[in-house]
């Protein structure tokens, strides 16, 4: 019965959470947590008669998460997103070069206007589509595309070797 409910309602719950300003990753986690909680309940058949209960549990889990961690889309600062990207198996020279590249990337991100940086992080780090980012930021999809193009151009210039 729980598997059938998951198959019928998981994608609708995920879309609902995305509309409520959850990241795709967070929305997936909350959907899984919702069904995990249901699996742990006894006598759950009566409660599961209505999908509204599933949405209420998911909504409450989302509220709990936002209370605990705040409502930021990405919990880490831009610099910490790239912390683990240096390949420790490479040579010391390659590691030093990689660390310099990451420093330049971080510095370039810091110079971006806030909205442009947010669009870049949502689309390229969080993995959101242009449409999802537009809905979250309450801007048009074309604005997302323009901000992303601007961010990519500036980052490209910031990472050029002669900089």
N, C-alpha and C. Protein backbone atom coordinates (compact mmCIF):
# COMPACT_ATOMS: atom_id res chain seq x y z
N UNK A 1 0.83 -1.20 0.00
CA UNK A 1 0.00 0.00 0.00
C UNK A 1 0.87 1.26 0.00
N UNK A 2 1.94 1.25 0.80
CA UNK A 2 2.82 2.42 0.87
C UNK A 2 3.53 2.64 -0.47
N UNK A 3 3.94 1.55 -1.10
CA UNK A 3 4.60 1.66 -2.40
C UNK A 3 3.65 2.26 -3.44
N UNK A 4 2.42 1.84 -3.39
CA UNK A 4 1.42 2.37 -4.32
C UNK A 4 1.21 3.87 -4.08
N UNK A 5 1.15 4.28 -2.82
CA UNK A 5 1.00 5.70 -2.50
C UNK A 5 2.21 6.50 -2.99
N UNK A 6 3.40 5.92 -2.80
CA UNK A 6 4.60 6.60 -3.26
C UNK A 6 4.55 6.79 -4.76
N UNK A 7 4.22 5.74 -5.49
CA UNK A 7 4.15 5.82 -6.95
C UNK A 7 3.11 6.83 -7.41
N UNK A 8 2.01 6.95 -6.70
CA UNK A 8 0.94 7.85 -7.10
C UNK A 8 1.20 9.31 -6.73
N UNK A 9 1.88 9.55 -5.60
CA UNK A 9 1.93 10.91 -5.06
C UNK A 9 3.32 11.53 -4.90
N UNK A 10 4.39 10.78 -5.07
CA UNK A 10 5.73 11.32 -4.81
C UNK A 10 6.06 12.49 -5.74
N UNK A 11 5.76 12.36 -7.01
CA UNK A 11 6.11 13.46 -7.93
C UNK A 11 5.27 14.70 -7.65
N UNK A 12 4.01 14.53 -7.28
CA UNK A 12 3.16 15.68 -6.94
C UNK A 12 3.67 16.36 -5.67
N UNK A 13 4.10 15.57 -4.69
CA UNK A 13 4.67 16.14 -3.47
C UNK A 13 5.95 16.92 -3.79
N UNK A 14 6.78 16.36 -4.65
CA UNK A 14 8.03 17.02 -5.03
C UNK A 14 7.74 18.35 -5.71
N UNK A 15 6.81 18.39 -6.64
CA UNK A 15 6.45 19.65 -7.32
C UNK A 15 5.89 20.66 -6.32
N UNK A 16 5.07 20.18 -5.40
CA UNK A 16 4.50 21.06 -4.37
C UNK A 16 5.61 21.71 -3.55
N UNK A 17 6.60 20.92 -3.14
CA UNK A 17 7.70 21.45 -2.33
C UNK A 17 8.56 22.42 -3.12
N UNK A 18 8.75 22.18 -4.41
CA UNK A 18 9.50 23.12 -5.24
C UNK A 18 8.79 24.46 -5.31
N UNK A 19 7.47 24.43 -5.40
CA UNK A 19 6.71 25.68 -5.42
C UNK A 19 6.78 26.40 -4.08
N UNK A 20 7.10 25.68 -3.03
CA UNK A 20 7.21 26.26 -1.69
C UNK A 20 8.65 26.64 -1.35
N UNK A 21 9.47 26.88 -2.39
CA UNK A 21 10.84 27.36 -2.23
C UNK A 21 11.81 26.35 -1.63
N UNK A 22 11.64 25.08 -1.94
CA UNK A 22 12.62 24.07 -1.57
C UNK A 22 13.53 23.83 -2.76
N UNK A 23 14.77 23.50 -2.49
CA UNK A 23 15.67 23.10 -3.57
C UNK A 23 15.22 21.73 -4.07
N UNK A 24 15.60 21.35 -5.27
CA UNK A 24 15.25 20.01 -5.73
C UNK A 24 15.76 18.91 -4.80
N UNK A 25 16.97 19.09 -4.29
CA UNK A 25 17.53 18.10 -3.37
C UNK A 25 16.74 18.05 -2.07
N UNK A 26 16.44 19.21 -1.51
CA UNK A 26 15.67 19.26 -0.27
C UNK A 26 14.28 18.68 -0.49
N UNK A 27 13.65 19.01 -1.60
CA UNK A 27 12.31 18.48 -1.89
C UNK A 27 12.35 16.96 -1.95
N UNK A 28 13.36 16.40 -2.59
CA UNK A 28 13.48 14.93 -2.66
C UNK A 28 13.67 14.34 -1.26
N UNK A 29 14.50 14.98 -0.46
CA UNK A 29 14.73 14.50 0.91
C UNK A 29 13.44 14.54 1.73
N UNK A 30 12.68 15.60 1.59
CA UNK A 30 11.43 15.73 2.36
C UNK A 30 10.41 14.70 1.90
N UNK A 31 10.34 14.45 0.60
CA UNK A 31 9.42 13.42 0.10
C UNK A 31 9.79 12.07 0.70
N UNK A 32 11.08 11.74 0.69
CA UNK A 32 11.52 10.47 1.27
C UNK A 32 11.22 10.41 2.76
N UNK A 33 11.47 11.50 3.47
CA UNK A 33 11.20 11.55 4.90
C UNK A 33 9.71 11.40 5.18
N UNK A 34 8.88 11.98 4.32
CA UNK A 34 7.42 11.87 4.49
C UNK A 34 7.01 10.40 4.46
N UNK A 35 7.48 9.67 3.46
CA UNK A 35 7.10 8.26 3.35
C UNK A 35 7.78 7.41 4.40
N UNK A 36 8.96 7.79 4.84
CA UNK A 36 9.61 7.08 5.94
C UNK A 36 8.79 7.21 7.21
N UNK A 37 8.32 8.40 7.47
CA UNK A 37 7.47 8.61 8.66
C UNK A 37 6.20 7.79 8.58
N UNK A 38 5.61 7.74 7.39
CA UNK A 38 4.39 6.94 7.23
C UNK A 38 4.68 5.46 7.44
N UNK A 39 5.82 4.99 6.96
CA UNK A 39 6.18 3.58 7.12
C UNK A 39 6.36 3.22 8.59
N UNK A 40 6.77 4.16 9.41
CA UNK A 40 7.01 3.90 10.83
C UNK A 40 5.75 3.98 11.67
N UNK A 41 4.66 4.47 11.09
CA UNK A 41 3.42 4.62 11.85
C UNK A 41 2.65 3.31 11.89
N UNK A 42 1.93 3.09 12.99
CA UNK A 42 1.06 1.92 13.09
C UNK A 42 -0.36 2.36 12.77
N UNK A 43 -1.12 1.48 12.17
CA UNK A 43 -2.49 1.81 11.82
C UNK A 43 -2.57 2.94 10.82
N UNK A 44 -1.64 2.97 9.90
CA UNK A 44 -1.53 4.09 8.98
C UNK A 44 -2.58 4.02 7.87
N UNK A 45 -3.22 2.87 7.68
CA UNK A 45 -4.17 2.72 6.58
C UNK A 45 -5.30 3.75 6.64
N UNK A 46 -5.81 4.04 7.82
CA UNK A 46 -6.90 5.02 7.94
C UNK A 46 -6.44 6.41 7.56
N UNK A 47 -5.22 6.77 7.98
CA UNK A 47 -4.71 8.09 7.68
C UNK A 47 -4.39 8.26 6.20
N UNK A 48 -4.03 7.18 5.57
CA UNK A 48 -3.60 7.25 4.17
C UNK A 48 -4.76 7.28 3.19
N UNK A 49 -5.96 7.26 3.70
CA UNK A 49 -7.11 7.28 2.81
C UNK A 49 -7.16 8.57 1.98
N UNK A 50 -6.48 9.61 2.45
CA UNK A 50 -6.50 10.89 1.74
C UNK A 50 -5.07 11.37 1.45
N UNK A 51 -4.82 11.81 0.22
CA UNK A 51 -3.50 12.37 -0.09
C UNK A 51 -3.22 13.66 0.67
N UNK A 52 -4.26 14.31 1.16
CA UNK A 52 -4.06 15.55 1.91
C UNK A 52 -3.15 15.32 3.11
N UNK A 53 -3.23 14.14 3.70
CA UNK A 53 -2.38 13.84 4.85
C UNK A 53 -0.91 13.83 4.44
N UNK A 54 -0.62 13.26 3.27
CA UNK A 54 0.76 13.24 2.77
C UNK A 54 1.29 14.66 2.60
N UNK A 55 0.47 15.52 2.02
CA UNK A 55 0.89 16.91 1.78
C UNK A 55 1.08 17.64 3.11
N UNK A 56 0.25 17.35 4.10
CA UNK A 56 0.38 17.99 5.40
C UNK A 56 1.69 17.56 6.07
N UNK A 57 2.01 16.28 6.02
CA UNK A 57 3.26 15.79 6.62
C UNK A 57 4.45 16.45 5.92
N UNK A 58 4.43 16.46 4.58
CA UNK A 58 5.53 17.07 3.82
C UNK A 58 5.65 18.55 4.15
N UNK A 59 4.52 19.23 4.22
CA UNK A 59 4.53 20.67 4.53
C UNK A 59 5.13 20.91 5.92
N UNK A 60 4.74 20.10 6.89
CA UNK A 60 5.27 20.26 8.24
C UNK A 60 6.78 19.98 8.29
N UNK A 61 7.23 18.98 7.55
CA UNK A 61 8.66 18.69 7.50
C UNK A 61 9.43 19.85 6.88
N UNK A 62 8.85 20.46 5.84
CA UNK A 62 9.49 21.61 5.20
C UNK A 62 9.59 22.78 6.19
N UNK A 63 8.52 23.04 6.91
CA UNK A 63 8.53 24.12 7.91
C UNK A 63 9.58 23.84 8.98
N UNK A 64 9.64 22.60 9.45
CA UNK A 64 10.65 22.23 10.45
C UNK A 64 12.06 22.48 9.91
N UNK A 65 12.30 22.12 8.66
CA UNK A 65 13.62 22.33 8.07
C UNK A 65 13.94 23.82 8.00
N UNK A 66 12.98 24.63 7.54
CA UNK A 66 13.23 26.07 7.43
C UNK A 66 13.44 26.72 8.79
N UNK A 67 12.76 26.23 9.80
CA UNK A 67 12.97 26.76 11.15
C UNK A 67 14.36 26.40 11.66
N UNK A 68 14.76 25.19 11.38
CA UNK A 68 16.05 24.71 11.88
C UNK A 68 17.23 25.31 11.13
N UNK A 69 17.11 25.39 9.79
CA UNK A 69 18.26 25.79 8.98
C UNK A 69 18.07 27.12 8.26
N UNK A 70 16.92 27.73 8.38
CA UNK A 70 16.66 28.96 7.64
C UNK A 70 16.13 28.62 6.26
N UNK A 71 15.77 29.64 5.52
CA UNK A 71 15.12 29.39 4.24
C UNK A 71 16.05 29.65 3.06
N UNK A 72 17.36 29.66 3.28
CA UNK A 72 18.29 29.86 2.16
C UNK A 72 18.22 28.67 1.23
N UNK A 73 18.30 28.92 -0.05
CA UNK A 73 18.27 27.86 -1.05
C UNK A 73 19.51 26.99 -0.93
N UNK A 74 20.64 27.60 -0.73
CA UNK A 74 21.87 26.84 -0.61
C UNK A 74 22.43 27.21 0.75
N UNK A 75 22.74 26.18 1.53
CA UNK A 75 23.14 26.42 2.91
C UNK A 75 24.58 26.88 3.04
N UNK A 76 25.38 26.65 2.05
CA UNK A 76 26.79 26.99 2.15
C UNK A 76 27.07 28.31 1.44
N UNK A 77 28.12 28.97 1.87
CA UNK A 77 28.58 30.16 1.18
C UNK A 77 29.23 29.72 -0.13
N UNK A 78 29.28 30.59 -1.12
CA UNK A 78 29.86 30.19 -2.40
C UNK A 78 31.26 29.59 -2.28
N UNK A 79 32.06 30.08 -1.37
CA UNK A 79 33.42 29.56 -1.24
C UNK A 79 33.41 28.10 -0.79
N UNK A 80 32.54 27.75 0.13
CA UNK A 80 32.54 26.40 0.66
C UNK A 80 31.99 25.38 -0.32
N UNK A 81 31.27 25.83 -1.33
CA UNK A 81 30.75 24.92 -2.34
C UNK A 81 31.90 24.24 -3.07
N UNK A 82 33.00 24.94 -3.25
CA UNK A 82 34.11 24.44 -4.04
C UNK A 82 35.24 23.85 -3.21
N UNK A 83 35.05 23.75 -1.88
CA UNK A 83 36.13 23.31 -1.01
C UNK A 83 36.70 21.94 -1.36
N UNK A 84 35.86 20.99 -1.72
CA UNK A 84 36.34 19.63 -1.95
C UNK A 84 36.70 19.33 -3.39
N UNK A 85 36.93 20.32 -4.20
CA UNK A 85 37.13 20.08 -5.62
C UNK A 85 38.57 19.84 -6.03
N UNK A 86 39.52 19.96 -5.14
CA UNK A 86 40.92 19.73 -5.50
C UNK A 86 41.20 18.24 -5.41
N UNK A 87 41.76 17.69 -6.46
CA UNK A 87 42.09 16.27 -6.52
C UNK A 87 43.37 16.03 -5.74
N UNK A 88 43.23 15.36 -4.59
CA UNK A 88 44.39 15.14 -3.73
C UNK A 88 45.32 14.07 -4.27
N UNK A 89 44.89 13.32 -5.29
CA UNK A 89 45.74 12.29 -5.88
C UNK A 89 46.67 12.89 -6.94
N UNK A 90 46.45 14.12 -7.31
CA UNK A 90 47.29 14.75 -8.33
C UNK A 90 48.59 15.24 -7.70
N UNK A 91 49.48 15.72 -8.57
CA UNK A 91 50.78 16.19 -8.10
C UNK A 91 50.62 17.47 -7.28
N UNK A 92 51.60 17.81 -6.45
CA UNK A 92 51.53 19.04 -5.65
C UNK A 92 51.38 20.29 -6.53
N UNK A 93 52.03 20.28 -7.70
CA UNK A 93 51.92 21.42 -8.60
C UNK A 93 50.49 21.57 -9.12
N UNK A 94 49.89 20.44 -9.51
CA UNK A 94 48.52 20.47 -10.00
C UNK A 94 47.55 20.89 -8.90
N UNK A 95 47.82 20.43 -7.68
CA UNK A 95 46.97 20.83 -6.56
C UNK A 95 47.07 22.33 -6.31
N UNK A 96 48.29 22.87 -6.37
CA UNK A 96 48.48 24.31 -6.16
C UNK A 96 47.79 25.11 -7.26
N UNK A 97 47.93 24.65 -8.50
CA UNK A 97 47.27 25.32 -9.62
C UNK A 97 45.74 25.27 -9.44
N UNK A 98 45.23 24.10 -9.03
CA UNK A 98 43.79 23.95 -8.80
C UNK A 98 43.31 24.87 -7.68
N UNK A 99 44.10 24.98 -6.62
CA UNK A 99 43.72 25.86 -5.51
C UNK A 99 43.67 27.31 -5.96
N UNK A 100 44.63 27.71 -6.80
CA UNK A 100 44.62 29.08 -7.34
C UNK A 100 43.39 29.32 -8.21
N UNK A 101 43.05 28.33 -9.03
CA UNK A 101 41.87 28.45 -9.88
C UNK A 101 40.61 28.61 -9.03
N UNK A 102 40.51 27.82 -7.96
CA UNK A 102 39.35 27.92 -7.08
C UNK A 102 39.29 29.28 -6.39
N UNK A 103 40.44 29.80 -5.98
CA UNK A 103 40.47 31.13 -5.37
C UNK A 103 39.99 32.19 -6.36
N UNK A 104 40.43 32.08 -7.60
CA UNK A 104 40.01 33.03 -8.62
C UNK A 104 38.52 32.91 -8.89
N UNK A 105 38.02 31.67 -8.91
CA UNK A 105 36.58 31.46 -9.12
C UNK A 105 35.79 32.08 -7.97
N UNK A 106 36.23 31.85 -6.76
CA UNK A 106 35.54 32.42 -5.60
C UNK A 106 35.56 33.94 -5.66
N UNK A 107 36.71 34.52 -5.98
CA UNK A 107 36.82 35.98 -6.06
C UNK A 107 35.89 36.52 -7.16
N UNK A 108 35.82 35.82 -8.27
CA UNK A 108 34.94 36.25 -9.36
C UNK A 108 33.48 36.17 -8.93
N UNK A 109 33.11 35.10 -8.23
CA UNK A 109 31.73 34.97 -7.73
C UNK A 109 31.38 36.11 -6.78
N UNK A 110 32.32 36.48 -5.95
CA UNK A 110 32.07 37.56 -4.99
C UNK A 110 31.83 38.90 -5.67
N UNK A 111 32.41 39.07 -6.87
CA UNK A 111 32.25 40.34 -7.60
C UNK A 111 30.93 40.41 -8.38
N UNK A 112 30.28 39.29 -8.55
CA UNK A 112 29.01 39.28 -9.29
C UNK A 112 27.93 40.00 -8.49
N UNK A 113 27.01 40.66 -9.17
CA UNK A 113 25.85 41.21 -8.45
C UNK A 113 25.09 40.06 -7.77
N UNK A 114 24.45 40.36 -6.67
CA UNK A 114 23.81 39.32 -5.87
C UNK A 114 22.83 38.47 -6.68
N UNK A 115 21.97 39.10 -7.46
CA UNK A 115 20.97 38.36 -8.23
C UNK A 115 21.65 37.45 -9.26
N UNK A 116 22.68 37.95 -9.91
CA UNK A 116 23.40 37.16 -10.91
C UNK A 116 24.08 35.97 -10.24
N UNK A 117 24.69 36.21 -9.07
CA UNK A 117 25.34 35.13 -8.32
C UNK A 117 24.30 34.09 -7.90
N UNK A 118 23.13 34.55 -7.42
CA UNK A 118 22.07 33.62 -7.01
C UNK A 118 21.62 32.75 -8.17
N UNK A 119 21.43 33.37 -9.34
CA UNK A 119 21.00 32.61 -10.51
C UNK A 119 22.06 31.57 -10.87
N UNK A 120 23.33 31.97 -10.87
CA UNK A 120 24.41 31.04 -11.19
C UNK A 120 24.41 29.86 -10.21
N UNK A 121 24.34 30.14 -8.91
CA UNK A 121 24.38 29.07 -7.91
C UNK A 121 23.17 28.16 -8.00
N UNK A 122 22.00 28.74 -8.23
CA UNK A 122 20.80 27.92 -8.33
C UNK A 122 20.84 27.01 -9.55
N UNK A 123 21.28 27.55 -10.68
CA UNK A 123 21.27 26.77 -11.92
C UNK A 123 22.46 25.83 -12.05
N UNK A 124 23.64 26.30 -11.67
CA UNK A 124 24.85 25.50 -11.90
C UNK A 124 25.27 24.66 -10.70
N UNK A 125 24.95 25.10 -9.50
CA UNK A 125 25.34 24.34 -8.31
C UNK A 125 24.17 23.51 -7.80
N UNK A 126 23.01 24.13 -7.64
CA UNK A 126 21.83 23.42 -7.16
C UNK A 126 21.20 22.53 -8.23
N UNK A 127 21.48 22.83 -9.50
CA UNK A 127 20.94 22.01 -10.58
C UNK A 127 19.52 22.34 -10.99
N UNK A 128 19.06 23.53 -10.63
CA UNK A 128 17.70 23.91 -11.00
C UNK A 128 17.63 24.25 -12.49
N UNK A 129 16.45 24.05 -13.06
CA UNK A 129 16.23 24.48 -14.44
C UNK A 129 16.02 25.99 -14.43
N UNK A 130 16.05 26.60 -15.60
CA UNK A 130 15.80 28.04 -15.69
C UNK A 130 14.41 28.37 -15.17
N UNK A 131 13.45 27.53 -15.50
CA UNK A 131 12.07 27.76 -15.07
C UNK A 131 11.95 27.68 -13.55
N UNK A 132 12.58 26.68 -12.93
CA UNK A 132 12.54 26.54 -11.48
C UNK A 132 13.19 27.73 -10.79
N UNK A 133 14.34 28.15 -11.31
CA UNK A 133 15.02 29.31 -10.73
C UNK A 133 14.17 30.57 -10.89
N UNK A 134 13.53 30.72 -12.02
CA UNK A 134 12.67 31.88 -12.25
C UNK A 134 11.51 31.89 -11.27
N UNK A 135 10.90 30.74 -11.05
CA UNK A 135 9.80 30.67 -10.09
C UNK A 135 10.27 30.98 -8.68
N UNK A 136 11.42 30.44 -8.30
CA UNK A 136 11.93 30.67 -6.95
C UNK A 136 12.27 32.14 -6.73
N UNK A 137 12.95 32.74 -7.71
CA UNK A 137 13.39 34.13 -7.57
C UNK A 137 12.30 35.14 -7.95
N UNK A 138 11.20 34.62 -8.46
CA UNK A 138 10.07 35.47 -8.88
C UNK A 138 10.49 36.46 -9.96
N UNK A 139 11.21 35.93 -10.95
CA UNK A 139 11.61 36.71 -12.11
C UNK A 139 11.26 35.88 -13.35
N UNK A 140 11.38 36.47 -14.51
CA UNK A 140 11.06 35.75 -15.74
C UNK A 140 12.18 34.79 -16.11
N UNK A 141 11.82 33.80 -16.90
CA UNK A 141 12.80 32.84 -17.38
C UNK A 141 13.87 33.54 -18.22
N UNK A 142 13.47 34.53 -19.01
CA UNK A 142 14.46 35.24 -19.83
C UNK A 142 15.43 36.02 -18.94
N UNK A 143 14.97 36.53 -17.80
CA UNK A 143 15.88 37.19 -16.86
C UNK A 143 16.89 36.20 -16.29
N UNK A 144 16.43 35.01 -15.98
CA UNK A 144 17.34 33.97 -15.49
C UNK A 144 18.40 33.69 -16.55
N UNK A 145 17.97 33.55 -17.80
CA UNK A 145 18.92 33.28 -18.88
C UNK A 145 19.93 34.40 -19.02
N UNK A 146 19.48 35.65 -18.92
CA UNK A 146 20.39 36.79 -19.06
C UNK A 146 21.38 36.85 -17.89
N UNK A 147 20.88 36.64 -16.67
CA UNK A 147 21.78 36.64 -15.51
C UNK A 147 22.79 35.51 -15.61
N UNK A 148 22.35 34.33 -16.04
CA UNK A 148 23.25 33.20 -16.15
C UNK A 148 24.30 33.45 -17.22
N UNK A 149 23.89 33.99 -18.36
CA UNK A 149 24.86 34.31 -19.42
C UNK A 149 25.88 35.33 -18.93
N UNK A 150 25.41 36.34 -18.20
CA UNK A 150 26.30 37.35 -17.65
C UNK A 150 27.29 36.72 -16.66
N UNK A 151 26.77 35.85 -15.78
CA UNK A 151 27.63 35.19 -14.80
C UNK A 151 28.69 34.34 -15.49
N UNK A 152 28.27 33.56 -16.47
CA UNK A 152 29.22 32.68 -17.16
C UNK A 152 30.28 33.48 -17.90
N UNK A 153 29.87 34.59 -18.52
CA UNK A 153 30.84 35.44 -19.23
C UNK A 153 31.85 36.03 -18.25
N UNK A 154 31.36 36.55 -17.12
CA UNK A 154 32.26 37.15 -16.13
C UNK A 154 33.18 36.11 -15.51
N UNK A 155 32.64 34.93 -15.23
CA UNK A 155 33.47 33.87 -14.65
C UNK A 155 34.52 33.44 -15.66
N UNK A 156 34.12 33.32 -16.92
CA UNK A 156 35.08 32.96 -17.97
C UNK A 156 36.21 33.96 -18.07
N UNK A 157 35.86 35.25 -18.02
CA UNK A 157 36.91 36.29 -18.06
C UNK A 157 37.76 36.24 -16.80
N UNK A 158 37.14 35.97 -15.66
CA UNK A 158 37.86 35.94 -14.39
C UNK A 158 38.83 34.79 -14.28
N UNK A 159 38.63 33.73 -15.06
CA UNK A 159 39.48 32.56 -14.99
C UNK A 159 40.50 32.48 -16.12
N UNK A 160 40.53 33.50 -16.96
CA UNK A 160 41.51 33.51 -18.04
C UNK A 160 42.92 33.58 -17.46
N UNK A 161 43.88 32.89 -18.08
CA UNK A 161 45.24 32.82 -17.55
C UNK A 161 45.93 34.15 -17.35
N UNK A 162 45.63 35.17 -18.17
CA UNK A 162 46.33 36.44 -18.02
C UNK A 162 45.80 37.28 -16.88
N UNK A 163 44.79 36.83 -16.18
CA UNK A 163 44.21 37.60 -15.07
C UNK A 163 45.10 37.52 -13.84
